[in-house]
């Protein structure tokens, strides 16, 4: 997982609960406290430990943790990467960039540790279908991020999952439908 994402988990805990909770997060994750290099790929097991630690610190289950993380991710991302959101111009524009952003963000030193986790398998004017395959199994996060993208750009649409790795499928498949601008936007 990219260090940028690990840092967001840490920042989410710090913003909500303070520095003592961050120390607790690392203790519950059984990891040494650190700041992750944003462009470096870290072991998936380290992210998973952080995410489980965050669940424990907040006292929530995995679905609630994913919902909260997606909301935090989409709150912070436009602040951290305003040019990406500006250039995207729409939910479709941003969602179409997801595979490229994931592929191009890691530092060259980390490229051999990177593997594609999300791919566009269908793109029509009406919808985009993403195939997601990650040991982190954050399909709920991906769906929520897509829903927040629609809201961020003032668009109507729907997001649903047609198959899920958590339910035994080979991968997750997330469908994002585009229905146009919200009335009054």
Protein backbone atom coordinates (compact mmCIF):
# COMPACT_ATOMS: atom_id res chain seq x y z
CA UNK A 1 0.00 0.00 0.00
CA UNK A 2 1.19 3.50 -0.76
CA UNK A 3 2.61 5.39 2.21
CA UNK A 4 0.18 8.20 1.40
CA UNK A 5 -2.73 5.91 2.33
CA UNK A 6 -1.04 4.68 5.51
CA UNK A 7 -0.48 8.31 6.53
CA UNK A 8 -4.17 9.06 5.96
CA UNK A 9 -5.14 6.34 8.43
CA UNK A 10 -2.78 7.89 11.00
CA UNK A 11 -4.01 11.43 10.26
CA UNK A 12 -7.65 10.34 10.54
CA UNK A 13 -6.99 9.00 14.05
CA UNK A 14 -5.00 12.11 15.02
CA UNK A 15 -7.64 14.52 13.70
CA UNK A 16 -10.48 12.70 15.49
CA UNK A 17 -8.84 11.60 18.74
CA UNK A 18 -5.46 13.31 19.17
CA UNK A 19 -1.81 12.28 19.49
CA UNK A 20 -2.36 9.82 22.35
CA UNK A 21 -4.74 7.88 20.12
CA UNK A 22 -2.06 7.73 17.40
CA UNK A 23 0.34 6.13 19.90
CA UNK A 24 -2.47 3.69 20.77
CA UNK A 25 -3.06 3.04 17.05
CA UNK A 26 0.55 1.96 16.50
CA UNK A 27 0.52 -0.10 19.70
CA UNK A 28 -2.69 -1.91 18.68
CA UNK A 29 -1.24 -2.42 15.18
CA UNK A 30 1.95 -3.80 16.78
CA UNK A 31 4.02 -1.41 14.63
CA UNK A 32 6.65 1.16 15.46
CA UNK A 33 5.36 4.70 15.21
CA UNK A 34 6.49 6.33 11.98
CA UNK A 35 5.68 8.76 9.20
CA UNK A 36 5.33 6.94 5.88
CA UNK A 37 6.96 8.24 2.72
CA UNK A 38 3.94 9.06 0.51
CA UNK A 39 5.30 7.64 -2.74
CA UNK A 40 6.80 4.45 -1.29
CA UNK A 41 4.94 1.13 -1.48
CA UNK A 42 4.77 -0.56 1.94
CA UNK A 43 3.73 -4.15 2.64
CA UNK A 44 -0.02 -4.76 2.50
CA UNK A 45 0.26 -6.45 5.89
CA UNK A 46 1.42 -3.14 7.41
CA UNK A 47 -1.61 -1.29 6.07
CA UNK A 48 -3.89 -4.08 7.27
CA UNK A 49 -2.38 -3.85 10.76
CA UNK A 50 -2.88 -0.06 10.76
CA UNK A 51 -6.47 -0.41 9.60
CA UNK A 52 -7.26 -3.04 12.25
CA UNK A 53 -5.57 -0.78 14.83
CA UNK A 54 -7.75 2.14 13.72
CA UNK A 55 -10.86 -0.03 14.02
CA UNK A 56 -9.83 -0.90 17.56
CA UNK A 57 -9.03 2.70 18.52
CA UNK A 58 -12.40 3.88 17.20
CA UNK A 59 -14.23 0.81 18.49
CA UNK A 60 -15.95 0.06 15.17
CA UNK A 61 -16.30 -2.87 12.79
CA UNK A 62 -14.74 -3.09 9.35
CA UNK A 63 -17.73 -1.72 7.40
CA UNK A 64 -18.00 1.37 9.62
CA UNK A 65 -14.22 1.81 9.45
CA UNK A 66 -14.29 1.70 5.66
CA UNK A 67 -17.15 4.24 5.54
CA UNK A 68 -15.25 6.59 7.83
CA UNK A 69 -11.99 6.14 5.95
CA UNK A 70 -13.63 6.80 2.57
CA UNK A 71 -15.18 10.00 3.92
CA UNK A 72 -11.85 11.12 5.38
CA UNK A 73 -9.99 10.19 2.19
CA UNK A 74 -12.40 12.25 0.09
CA UNK A 75 -12.25 15.17 2.52
CA UNK A 76 -8.44 15.29 2.43
CA UNK A 77 -7.73 14.34 -1.20
CA UNK A 78 -9.02 17.56 -2.83
CA UNK A 79 -6.93 19.51 -0.32
CA UNK A 80 -3.82 17.43 -1.01
CA UNK A 81 -4.26 17.02 -4.77
CA UNK A 82 -6.31 19.99 -5.99
CA UNK A 83 -4.93 19.78 -9.53
CA UNK A 84 -6.20 16.22 -9.98
CA UNK A 85 -9.72 17.22 -8.97
CA UNK A 86 -9.62 20.39 -11.06
CA UNK A 87 -8.36 18.57 -14.16
CA UNK A 88 -10.87 15.75 -13.70
CA UNK A 89 -13.78 18.18 -13.83
CA UNK A 90 -16.38 15.48 -13.17
CA UNK A 91 -16.94 12.28 -11.23
CA UNK A 92 -16.29 10.29 -14.43
CA UNK A 93 -13.07 12.22 -15.03
CA UNK A 94 -11.84 11.45 -11.54
CA UNK A 95 -12.93 7.80 -11.49
CA UNK A 96 -11.31 7.22 -14.90
CA UNK A 97 -8.01 8.43 -13.40
CA UNK A 98 -7.98 5.95 -10.50
CA UNK A 99 -5.94 3.20 -12.24
CA UNK A 100 -3.46 5.71 -13.67
CA UNK A 101 -3.03 7.55 -10.37
CA UNK A 102 -2.35 4.25 -8.59
CA UNK A 103 0.09 3.15 -11.25
CA UNK A 104 2.02 6.43 -11.54
CA UNK A 105 2.16 7.61 -7.94
CA UNK A 106 4.75 5.14 -6.54
CA UNK A 107 8.38 6.27 -6.64
CA UNK A 108 10.51 4.48 -9.20
CA UNK A 109 12.29 2.70 -6.35
CA UNK A 110 8.97 1.16 -5.34
CA UNK A 111 7.68 0.22 -8.80
CA UNK A 112 8.67 -3.43 -8.46
CA UNK A 113 6.66 -3.66 -5.19
CA UNK A 114 3.57 -2.20 -6.88
CA UNK A 115 0.79 -4.29 -8.40
CA UNK A 116 -2.40 -3.14 -10.07
CA UNK A 117 -5.41 -3.46 -7.79
CA UNK A 118 -8.02 -1.60 -9.79
CA UNK A 119 -8.76 -1.59 -13.50
CA UNK A 120 -11.48 -0.19 -15.73
CA UNK A 121 -13.08 -3.11 -17.55
CA UNK A 122 -15.93 -1.15 -19.13
CA UNK A 123 -16.44 2.52 -19.89
CA UNK A 124 -19.54 3.85 -21.63
CA UNK A 125 -21.22 7.25 -21.40
CA UNK A 126 -23.67 5.73 -18.91
CA UNK A 127 -21.28 3.87 -16.64
CA UNK A 128 -17.82 2.73 -15.63
CA UNK A 129 -17.14 -0.75 -14.32
CA UNK A 130 -14.10 -1.19 -12.08
CA UNK A 131 -12.51 -4.51 -11.26
CA UNK A 132 -10.88 -4.42 -7.83
CA UNK A 133 -8.56 -7.12 -6.50
CA UNK A 134 -6.62 -6.37 -3.34
CA UNK A 135 -5.66 -8.35 -0.25
CA UNK A 136 -6.93 -5.32 1.70
CA UNK A 137 -10.49 -5.98 0.51
CA UNK A 138 -11.55 -2.33 0.72
CA UNK A 139 -14.38 -2.63 -1.80
CA UNK A 140 -16.73 -0.79 0.57
CA UNK A 141 -14.23 2.08 0.62
CA UNK A 142 -14.05 2.10 -3.19
CA UNK A 143 -17.86 2.20 -3.47
CA UNK A 144 -18.13 4.99 -0.91
CA UNK A 145 -15.36 7.00 -2.60
CA UNK A 146 -17.20 6.69 -5.92
CA UNK A 147 -20.45 7.85 -4.26
CA UNK A 148 -18.66 10.84 -2.69
CA UNK A 149 -17.10 11.68 -6.09
CA UNK A 150 -20.58 11.95 -7.57
CA UNK A 151 -21.65 14.24 -4.71
CA UNK A 152 -18.44 16.28 -4.89
CA UNK A 153 -19.07 17.12 -8.54
CA UNK A 154 -22.82 17.64 -8.02
CA UNK A 155 -23.86 14.64 -10.08
CA UNK A 156 -26.64 12.09 -9.87
CA UNK A 157 -25.71 8.45 -10.19
CA UNK A 158 -25.62 5.06 -8.59
CA UNK A 159 -22.86 2.83 -7.26
CA UNK A 160 -23.18 -0.88 -6.65
CA UNK A 161 -21.09 -4.01 -6.51
CA UNK A 162 -21.96 -6.96 -8.73
CA UNK A 163 -19.48 -9.45 -7.26
CA UNK A 164 -17.28 -9.37 -4.17
CA UNK A 165 -14.10 -11.13 -3.13
CA UNK A 166 -15.36 -11.14 0.47
CA UNK A 167 -18.18 -13.39 -0.73
CA UNK A 168 -15.88 -15.77 -2.60
CA UNK A 169 -15.65 -14.09 -6.00
CA UNK A 170 -12.28 -13.96 -7.75
CA UNK A 171 -12.38 -10.13 -7.54
CA UNK A 172 -14.76 -7.31 -6.76
CA UNK A 173 -16.64 -5.54 -9.53
CA UNK A 174 -17.95 -2.03 -8.82
CA UNK A 175 -20.36 -0.32 -11.22
CA UNK A 176 -20.66 3.48 -11.22
CA UNK A 177 -23.62 4.84 -13.20
CA UNK A 178 -23.81 8.47 -14.33
CA UNK A 179 -27.26 10.11 -14.52
CA UNK A 180 -26.28 13.77 -15.08
CA UNK A 181 -26.07 16.86 -12.91
CA UNK A 182 -28.18 17.22 -9.79
CA UNK A 183 -31.04 19.67 -10.12
CA UNK A 184 -30.06 23.17 -9.02
CA UNK A 185 -26.31 22.55 -9.29
